[in-house]
Amino acid sequence: MTSAEIKKLDGERVMHTYGRFDVAIEKGEGATLYTPEGDKYIDFAAGIGVNCLGYGNEKWLKAVTEQAGKLQHISNLFYSEPCVRLAQKLTDKTGLKNVFFANGGGEANEGMIKCARKYSFDKYGQGRSTVITLFQSFHGRTITTLAATGQDVFHNYFFPFTEGFKYAKANDIEDMKSLMTTDVCAVMMELVQGEGGVLPLDKEYVKEVEALCKAHDILLLIDEVQTGVGRTGSLFCFQKYGITPDIVSFAKGIAGGLPMAGIMAGEKTCNVLTPGTHATTFGGNPVAAAGGCVVLDTMTDEFLSEVDKKGEYIKDTVLSWNDPRVKTVRGMGLMLGIVLEGAAPGEILKKCVAKGLLALTAGEDALRLLPPLVITYGEIVEGLNILKAALEEE
């Protein structure tokens, strides 16, 4: 199909729940994408942080193709090797105890909330079910994870929302203390708030929250849907912060482009979810798990160090422009927010797309970059040159 034919059929047959850019993508190689007509785009978005190994990765393609030829799905009523191998790799690399596999980030976070509430119910009974999250957080689009999200813009239309959430000011430990009343069972945080504007939490604050949680037997839940799987320069961002969460959610990059997510449980929570208390039909899908094994095998210390170096290179290059519209660049690894002043991120992004660069926005003031972790320096330079040209047009 041509781009025009794809767009026409989409307009007729797909629900209009997305503000799409006027681009249809047919194929990719590395961190470069192409339309059906052969127009080229440098990818600084990676399917919203999903395609961590880029496009056309031979090891990943071989693994998922071979697995699809053997067994595409079996359900969790039976055992399968790819599922257990991926769980082993995740727990070996994190020190957490076990894994529940799901399909997407919102579902994973919902499972994390369920696990926390059941832990508290089992130990203390009813009345201890409140979860504290942070203002500017984003945790998903289910009714419950929308309620957990600390942004008023998401609290509309779908009433009534799930009860049992309170919101704390990020990096304000006194505000967190004031909310830790006897009804609280957990604190849930993104260590870098992605949709909120690529906002890293202060390490000292996070350590203080961890200590408070331990002192009051409140579970520490870390949402690594966007920050996980190498995105911030360590396999999981909590490892950079030097903390030990009770439950961690993951999604996006875990299967290299196939739908997969899940939660990892620590010592306190590894036996909370029992048969009949939580389930999902496609969780641990063999094809996605085979892709996930390749992803985790790729995430060596050397690979992750290179992610950090690429992120620093992007930061240094953008700041070296001395463009008055660039206020700062924040984030970690290849999860970066270029904070703009006097220029609308959405308008800059439109200019970038028109010139051949795909990227994202975050919050009210940031252009968000989530390129494939395998992006080459040549592709980085090409993409940054397009961004610089778009800014100079403003």
Protein backbone atom coordinates (compact mmCIF):
# COMPACT_ATOMS: atom_id res chain seq x y z
CA MET A 1 0.00 0.00 0.00
CA THR A 2 1.07 3.59 -0.53
CA SER A 3 1.22 6.06 2.34
CA ALA A 4 -1.95 7.74 1.06
CA GLU A 5 -3.81 4.43 0.95
CA ILE A 6 -2.72 3.51 4.48
CA LYS A 7 -3.81 6.88 5.86
CA LYS A 8 -7.17 6.74 4.07
CA LEU A 9 -8.00 3.28 5.36
CA ASP A 10 -6.87 4.25 8.86
CA GLY A 11 -9.21 7.24 8.78
CA GLU A 12 -12.11 5.02 7.79
CA ARG A 13 -11.56 1.96 9.96
CA VAL A 14 -9.39 2.78 13.01
CA MET A 15 -10.70 4.64 16.10
CA HIS A 16 -9.32 8.18 16.19
CA THR A 17 -7.75 7.94 19.65
CA TYR A 18 -4.28 9.06 18.53
CA GLY A 19 -3.03 12.39 17.21
CA ARG A 20 -0.95 10.83 14.46
CA PHE A 21 1.83 12.58 12.56
CA ASP A 22 1.37 12.60 8.79
CA VAL A 23 3.82 9.72 8.30
CA ALA A 24 3.32 6.04 7.42
CA ILE A 25 6.27 3.77 8.17
CA GLU A 26 6.97 0.57 6.24
CA LYS A 27 10.37 -0.68 7.41
CA GLY A 28 13.51 0.17 9.33
CA GLU A 29 17.17 -0.61 9.75
CA GLY A 30 19.13 0.23 12.88
CA ALA A 31 17.62 3.53 14.04
CA THR A 32 16.49 4.68 10.58
CA LEU A 33 12.96 4.27 9.23
CA TYR A 34 11.45 4.43 5.74
CA THR A 35 8.01 5.15 4.30
CA PRO A 36 6.52 2.97 1.50
CA GLU A 37 7.83 5.60 -0.91
CA GLY A 38 11.35 5.43 0.53
CA ASP A 39 11.37 8.69 2.50
CA LYS A 40 13.89 8.44 5.34
CA TYR A 41 13.47 9.29 9.04
CA ILE A 42 15.98 9.17 11.87
CA ASP A 43 14.19 7.61 14.85
CA PHE A 44 14.56 9.35 18.21
CA ALA A 45 11.29 7.80 19.46
CA ALA A 46 11.72 3.99 19.15
CA GLY A 47 7.98 3.32 19.25
CA ILE A 48 7.81 5.32 22.53
CA GLY A 49 10.87 3.60 23.96
CA VAL A 50 9.93 0.08 22.84
CA ASN A 51 12.32 -0.79 20.00
CA CYS A 52 15.44 -0.86 22.13
CA LEU A 53 17.41 -3.00 19.66
CA GLY A 54 16.27 -0.90 16.71
CA TYR A 55 15.11 -2.47 13.47
CA GLY A 56 16.40 -5.58 11.70
CA ASN A 57 18.44 -6.95 14.62
CA GLU A 58 19.54 -10.36 13.33
CA LYS A 59 19.77 -12.20 16.67
CA TRP A 60 16.35 -10.96 17.77
CA LEU A 61 14.77 -11.79 14.41
CA LYS A 62 16.25 -15.31 14.43
CA ALA A 63 15.03 -15.99 17.97
CA VAL A 64 11.43 -14.84 17.46
CA THR A 65 11.16 -16.47 14.03
CA GLU A 66 12.41 -19.84 15.25
CA GLN A 67 10.13 -19.70 18.29
CA ALA A 68 7.10 -18.75 16.18
CA GLY A 69 7.79 -21.81 14.06
CA LYS A 70 7.76 -24.06 17.13
CA LEU A 71 5.11 -22.64 19.47
CA GLN A 72 3.40 -19.25 19.33
CA HIS A 73 1.19 -19.57 22.44
CA ILE A 74 0.34 -22.15 25.07
CA SER A 75 -1.18 -20.13 28.01
CA ASN A 76 -0.04 -20.17 31.60
CA LEU A 77 -1.86 -23.42 32.30
CA PHE A 78 1.26 -25.14 30.97
CA TYR A 79 5.03 -24.59 31.18
CA SER A 80 7.20 -23.21 28.37
CA GLU A 81 10.96 -22.78 28.21
CA PRO A 82 11.21 -19.18 26.87
CA CYS A 83 9.05 -17.87 29.73
CA VAL A 84 11.10 -19.46 32.49
CA ARG A 85 14.43 -18.56 30.85
CA LEU A 86 13.41 -14.91 30.64
CA ALA A 87 12.27 -14.94 34.28
CA GLN A 88 15.62 -16.45 35.27
CA LYS A 89 17.56 -13.74 33.40
CA LEU A 90 15.49 -10.95 34.97
CA THR A 91 15.87 -12.22 38.52
CA ASP A 92 19.57 -13.05 38.11
CA LYS A 93 20.28 -9.52 36.83
CA THR A 94 18.21 -7.68 39.47
CA GLY A 95 18.35 -9.77 42.64
CA LEU A 96 14.54 -9.84 42.80
CA LYS A 97 12.81 -13.15 43.48
CA ASN A 98 10.23 -13.91 40.82
CA VAL A 99 8.25 -12.52 37.88
CA PHE A 100 4.67 -12.18 36.69
CA PHE A 101 4.46 -11.57 32.94
CA ALA A 102 1.79 -9.31 31.42
CA ASN A 103 1.28 -7.47 28.12
CA GLY A 104 1.57 -3.71 28.60
CA GLY A 105 2.70 -1.08 31.09
CA GLY A 106 -0.72 -0.14 32.43
CA GLU A 107 -1.55 -3.78 33.07
CA ALA A 108 1.79 -4.31 34.80
CA ASN A 109 1.25 -1.33 37.09
CA GLU A 110 -2.27 -2.51 37.87
CA GLY A 111 -0.79 -5.88 38.87
CA MET A 112 1.76 -4.13 41.06
CA ILE A 113 -1.02 -2.23 42.85
CA LYS A 114 -3.02 -5.44 43.33
CA CYS A 115 0.02 -7.20 44.77
CA ALA A 116 0.67 -4.35 47.22
CA ARG A 117 -2.93 -4.23 48.40
CA LYS A 118 -3.10 -8.00 48.87
CA TYR A 119 0.18 -7.98 50.81
CA SER A 120 -1.32 -5.45 53.22
CA PHE A 121 -4.70 -7.21 53.38
CA ASP A 122 -3.08 -10.55 54.15
CA LYS A 123 -0.99 -9.04 56.96
CA TYR A 124 -3.19 -6.28 58.39
CA GLY A 125 -6.73 -6.86 57.09
CA GLN A 126 -8.99 -4.25 55.52
CA GLY A 127 -8.48 -0.50 55.74
CA ARG A 128 -4.81 -0.32 54.72
CA SER A 129 -5.00 0.00 50.94
CA THR A 130 -4.01 3.57 49.99
CA VAL A 131 -1.15 4.02 47.52
CA ILE A 132 0.86 7.26 47.46
CA THR A 133 2.07 8.38 44.03
CA LEU A 134 3.71 11.63 42.92
CA PHE A 135 2.38 14.70 41.20
CA GLN A 136 3.43 14.72 37.51
CA SER A 137 3.52 10.92 37.49
CA PHE A 138 2.04 8.74 34.78
CA HIS A 139 1.19 5.09 35.44
CA GLY A 140 -1.15 3.99 32.64
CA ARG A 141 -4.59 4.28 31.07
CA THR A 142 -6.71 1.72 32.87
CA ILE A 143 -9.27 3.17 35.26
CA THR A 144 -7.05 2.32 38.23
CA THR A 145 -3.73 3.49 36.76
CA LEU A 146 -5.34 6.72 35.58
CA ALA A 147 -6.37 7.28 39.20
CA ALA A 148 -2.79 6.52 40.26
CA THR A 149 -1.46 9.08 37.77
CA GLY A 150 -0.71 12.39 39.51
CA GLN A 151 -1.88 14.70 36.73
CA ASP A 152 -5.34 16.28 36.81
CA VAL A 153 -5.59 16.28 33.02
CA PHE A 154 -6.04 12.51 33.11
CA HIS A 155 -8.77 12.57 35.77
CA ASN A 156 -11.73 13.20 33.50
CA TYR A 157 -14.49 11.45 31.51
CA PHE A 158 -14.20 7.96 33.02
CA PHE A 159 -15.87 8.46 36.38
CA PRO A 160 -15.93 6.95 38.91
CA PHE A 161 -12.20 6.38 39.20
CA THR A 162 -10.73 3.77 41.53
CA GLU A 163 -10.36 5.08 45.07
CA GLY A 164 -7.33 4.81 47.30
CA PHE A 165 -4.65 7.14 45.92
CA LYS A 166 -2.90 10.18 47.36
CA TYR A 167 -0.35 12.39 45.61
CA ALA A 168 2.90 13.70 47.05
CA LYS A 169 5.16 16.50 45.84
CA ALA A 170 8.24 15.04 44.19
CA ASN A 171 11.51 15.58 46.09
CA ASP A 172 9.66 16.91 49.16
CA ILE A 173 10.25 14.38 51.94
CA GLU A 174 8.16 16.31 54.49
CA ASP A 175 5.14 16.17 52.20
CA MET A 176 5.67 12.43 51.79
CA LYS A 177 5.88 11.97 55.57
CA SER A 178 2.63 13.90 56.04
CA LEU A 179 0.79 11.49 53.72
CA MET A 180 2.07 8.29 55.34
CA THR A 181 -0.99 7.71 57.49
CA THR A 182 -2.14 4.33 58.82
CA ASP A 183 -4.24 3.61 55.71
CA VAL A 184 -1.19 3.58 53.39
CA CYS A 185 0.09 0.27 52.02
CA ALA A 186 2.53 1.45 49.34
CA VAL A 187 4.40 4.27 47.61
CA MET A 188 4.63 4.04 43.82
CA MET A 189 7.15 6.15 41.89
CA GLU A 190 8.83 6.56 38.51
CA LEU A 191 12.47 7.41 39.18
CA VAL A 192 12.44 9.53 36.03
CA GLN A 193 8.96 10.87 35.37
CA GLY A 194 8.58 10.27 31.64
CA GLU A 195 5.23 11.65 30.48
CA GLY A 196 5.46 14.30 33.19
CA GLY A 197 8.43 15.94 31.48
CA VAL A 198 11.49 13.64 31.83
CA LEU A 199 11.99 14.63 35.47
CA PRO A 200 14.59 12.61 37.43
CA LEU A 201 13.97 12.30 41.16
CA ASP A 202 16.71 13.37 43.56
CA LYS A 203 18.68 10.34 44.76
CA GLU A 204 18.71 11.50 48.38
CA TYR A 205 14.92 11.87 48.32
CA VAL A 206 14.45 8.38 46.91
CA LYS A 207 16.71 6.87 49.57
CA GLU A 208 14.74 8.70 52.29
CA VAL A 209 11.46 7.40 50.90
CA GLU A 210 12.90 3.87 50.87
CA ALA A 211 13.89 4.23 54.55
CA LEU A 212 10.43 5.52 55.51
CA CYS A 213 8.76 2.64 53.71
CA LYS A 214 10.92 0.09 55.50
CA ALA A 215 10.26 1.69 58.89
CA HIS A 216 6.46 1.51 58.45
CA ASP A 217 6.18 -1.74 56.44
CA ILE A 218 4.93 0.27 53.47
CA LEU A 219 5.86 -1.33 50.15
CA LEU A 220 8.07 0.58 47.71
CA LEU A 221 6.78 0.12 44.15
CA ILE A 222 8.99 1.33 41.29
CA ASP A 223 7.37 1.91 37.90
CA GLU A 224 10.08 1.06 35.35
CA VAL A 225 7.76 0.86 32.34
CA GLN A 226 9.72 3.59 30.54
CA THR A 227 12.97 3.73 32.52
CA GLY A 228 13.70 0.00 32.48
CA VAL A 229 15.53 -2.38 30.15
CA GLY A 230 18.64 -0.27 29.66
CA ARG A 231 16.89 3.00 28.84
CA THR A 232 18.63 5.03 31.56
CA GLY A 233 22.05 3.39 31.27
CA SER A 234 21.56 0.57 33.77
CA LEU A 235 19.35 -2.46 33.23
CA PHE A 236 16.81 -0.91 35.61
CA CYS A 237 16.88 2.62 36.89
CA PHE A 238 16.49 1.55 40.53
CA GLN A 239 19.98 0.06 40.26
CA LYS A 240 21.39 3.53 39.59
CA TYR A 241 19.64 4.82 42.70
CA GLY A 242 21.02 2.04 44.91
CA ILE A 243 17.64 1.00 46.31
CA THR A 244 15.87 -2.34 46.76
CA PRO A 245 12.21 -2.06 45.74
CA ASP A 246 9.54 -4.48 46.93
CA ILE A 247 7.95 -4.67 43.47
CA VAL A 248 9.14 -3.36 40.08
CA SER A 249 7.06 -3.07 36.93
CA PHE A 250 8.55 -3.25 33.43
CA ALA A 251 7.30 -3.12 29.84
CA LYS A 252 8.22 -1.25 26.63
CA GLY A 253 11.69 -2.48 25.64
CA ILE A 254 11.60 -5.88 27.36
CA ALA A 255 10.75 -7.89 24.21
CA GLY A 256 12.39 -5.59 21.67
CA GLY A 257 9.16 -4.58 19.95
CA LEU A 258 6.67 -7.32 20.85
CA PRO A 259 3.91 -6.73 23.43
CA MET A 260 5.24 -7.76 26.82
CA ALA A 261 5.37 -6.41 30.36
CA GLY A 262 5.37 -7.65 33.92
CA ILE A 263 6.27 -7.17 37.55
CA MET A 264 9.19 -8.49 39.59
CA ALA A 265 8.67 -9.17 43.29
CA GLY A 266 11.16 -8.97 46.13
CA GLU A 267 11.43 -10.99 49.34
CA LYS A 268 8.32 -9.51 50.99
CA THR A 269 6.03 -9.89 48.01
CA CYS A 270 7.17 -12.94 46.04
CA ASN A 271 4.45 -15.21 47.49
CA VAL A 272 1.57 -12.72 47.64
CA LEU A 273 -0.13 -13.45 44.31
CA THR A 274 -1.41 -17.02 44.43
CA PRO A 275 -3.47 -19.13 41.97
CA GLY A 276 -6.76 -17.38 41.22
CA THR A 277 -5.70 -13.92 42.48
CA HIS A 278 -4.10 -12.63 39.26
CA ALA A 279 -3.80 -13.82 35.66
CA THR A 280 -3.55 -12.80 32.02
CA THR A 281 -4.06 -14.94 28.91
CA PHE A 282 -1.03 -13.85 26.90
CA GLY A 283 1.47 -13.30 29.73
CA GLY A 284 4.81 -14.99 29.16
CA ASN A 285 4.01 -15.56 25.49
CA PRO A 286 6.80 -17.81 24.08
CA VAL A 287 7.56 -15.64 21.03
CA ALA A 288 7.76 -12.42 23.05
CA ALA A 289 9.80 -14.19 25.72
CA ALA A 290 12.26 -15.47 23.10
CA GLY A 291 12.73 -11.88 21.95
CA GLY A 292 13.12 -10.79 25.57
CA CYS A 293 15.93 -13.27 26.14
CA VAL A 294 17.88 -11.72 23.27
CA VAL A 295 17.23 -8.24 24.66
CA LEU A 296 18.57 -9.15 28.10
CA ASP A 297 21.56 -11.01 26.67
CA THR A 298 22.41 -7.80 24.77
CA MET A 299 22.33 -5.69 27.94
CA THR A 300 25.93 -6.25 29.01
CA ASP A 301 27.82 -3.78 31.19
CA GLU A 302 29.68 -2.60 28.09
CA PHE A 303 26.43 -2.07 26.18
CA LEU A 304 24.85 -0.14 29.06
CA SER A 305 27.95 2.01 29.48
CA GLU A 306 27.65 2.94 25.81
CA VAL A 307 24.03 3.97 26.37
CA ASP A 308 25.25 6.42 29.02
CA LYS A 309 27.97 7.73 26.69
CA LYS A 310 25.50 8.29 23.86
CA GLY A 311 23.19 10.16 26.22
CA GLU A 312 26.02 12.41 27.39
CA TYR A 313 27.04 13.03 23.80
CA ILE A 314 23.51 14.17 22.93
CA LYS A 315 23.34 16.42 26.02
CA ASP A 316 26.75 17.99 25.33
CA THR A 317 26.00 18.55 21.66
CA VAL A 318 22.62 20.19 22.25
CA LEU A 319 23.97 22.46 25.00
CA SER A 320 26.98 23.41 22.84
CA TRP A 321 24.62 25.11 20.40
CA ASN A 322 24.06 27.87 22.97
CA ASP A 323 20.56 28.24 21.58
CA PRO A 324 18.57 30.61 23.84
CA ARG A 325 15.48 28.42 23.38
CA VAL A 326 17.22 25.41 24.97
CA LYS A 327 16.93 25.92 28.72
CA THR A 328 18.55 22.59 29.70
CA VAL A 329 18.68 18.89 28.89
CA ARG A 330 17.55 16.54 31.65
CA GLY A 331 17.28 12.81 32.01
CA MET A 332 19.52 9.75 32.09
CA GLY A 333 21.05 7.52 29.45
CA LEU A 334 18.91 7.65 26.31
CA MET A 335 15.84 8.97 28.11
CA LEU A 336 16.29 12.70 27.61
CA GLY A 337 14.15 15.82 27.74
CA ILE A 338 15.28 18.96 25.91
CA VAL A 339 13.62 21.72 27.92
CA LEU A 340 12.55 24.62 25.73
CA GLU A 341 11.84 28.23 26.60
CA GLY A 342 10.14 30.55 24.13
CA ALA A 343 9.41 27.68 21.76
CA ALA A 344 6.55 25.18 21.87
CA PRO A 345 7.80 21.57 21.90
CA GLY A 346 4.88 20.43 19.76
CA GLU A 347 5.65 22.98 17.05
CA ILE A 348 9.36 22.13 17.05
CA LEU A 349 8.47 18.45 16.78
CA LYS A 350 6.27 19.10 13.74
CA LYS A 351 9.21 20.83 12.04
CA CYS A 352 11.50 17.91 12.95
CA VAL A 353 9.10 15.37 11.45
CA ALA A 354 8.79 17.43 8.28
CA LYS A 355 12.59 17.39 7.97
CA GLY A 356 13.02 13.67 8.68
CA LEU A 357 13.34 13.22 12.46
CA LEU A 358 10.87 11.38 14.69
CA ALA A 359 10.80 12.33 18.38
CA LEU A 360 8.28 12.92 21.19
CA THR A 361 7.16 15.53 23.69
CA ALA A 362 6.77 15.28 27.47
CA GLY A 363 5.02 17.58 29.92
CA GLU A 364 4.50 21.19 28.89
CA ASP A 365 8.04 22.21 28.04
CA ALA A 366 10.14 19.28 26.84
CA LEU A 367 11.04 17.60 23.60
CA ARG A 368 11.56 13.94 24.56
CA LEU A 369 14.20 11.70 22.99
CA LEU A 370 13.95 7.89 23.38
CA PRO A 371 16.02 6.53 20.48
CA PRO A 372 16.82 2.84 20.01
CA LEU A 373 19.66 1.98 22.37
CA VAL A 374 21.67 0.67 19.39
CA ILE A 375 21.55 4.01 17.57
CA THR A 376 24.89 4.83 15.94
CA TYR A 377 26.77 8.08 16.42
CA GLY A 378 26.23 8.75 12.72
CA GLU A 379 22.46 8.51 13.18
CA ILE A 380 22.68 10.67 16.31
CA VAL A 381 24.55 13.39 14.43
CA GLU A 382 22.11 13.25 11.52
CA GLY A 383 19.13 13.52 13.86
CA LEU A 384 20.63 16.35 15.91
CA ASN A 385 21.41 18.31 12.77
CA ILE A 386 17.73 18.10 11.84
CA LEU A 387 16.73 19.22 15.33
CA LYS A 388 19.15 22.15 15.19
CA ALA A 389 17.72 23.22 11.83
CA ALA A 390 14.17 23.01 13.19
CA LEU A 391 15.07 25.19 16.17
CA GLU A 392 16.78 27.76 13.94
CA GLU A 393 13.60 28.07 11.88
CA GLU A 394 11.54 28.95 14.96
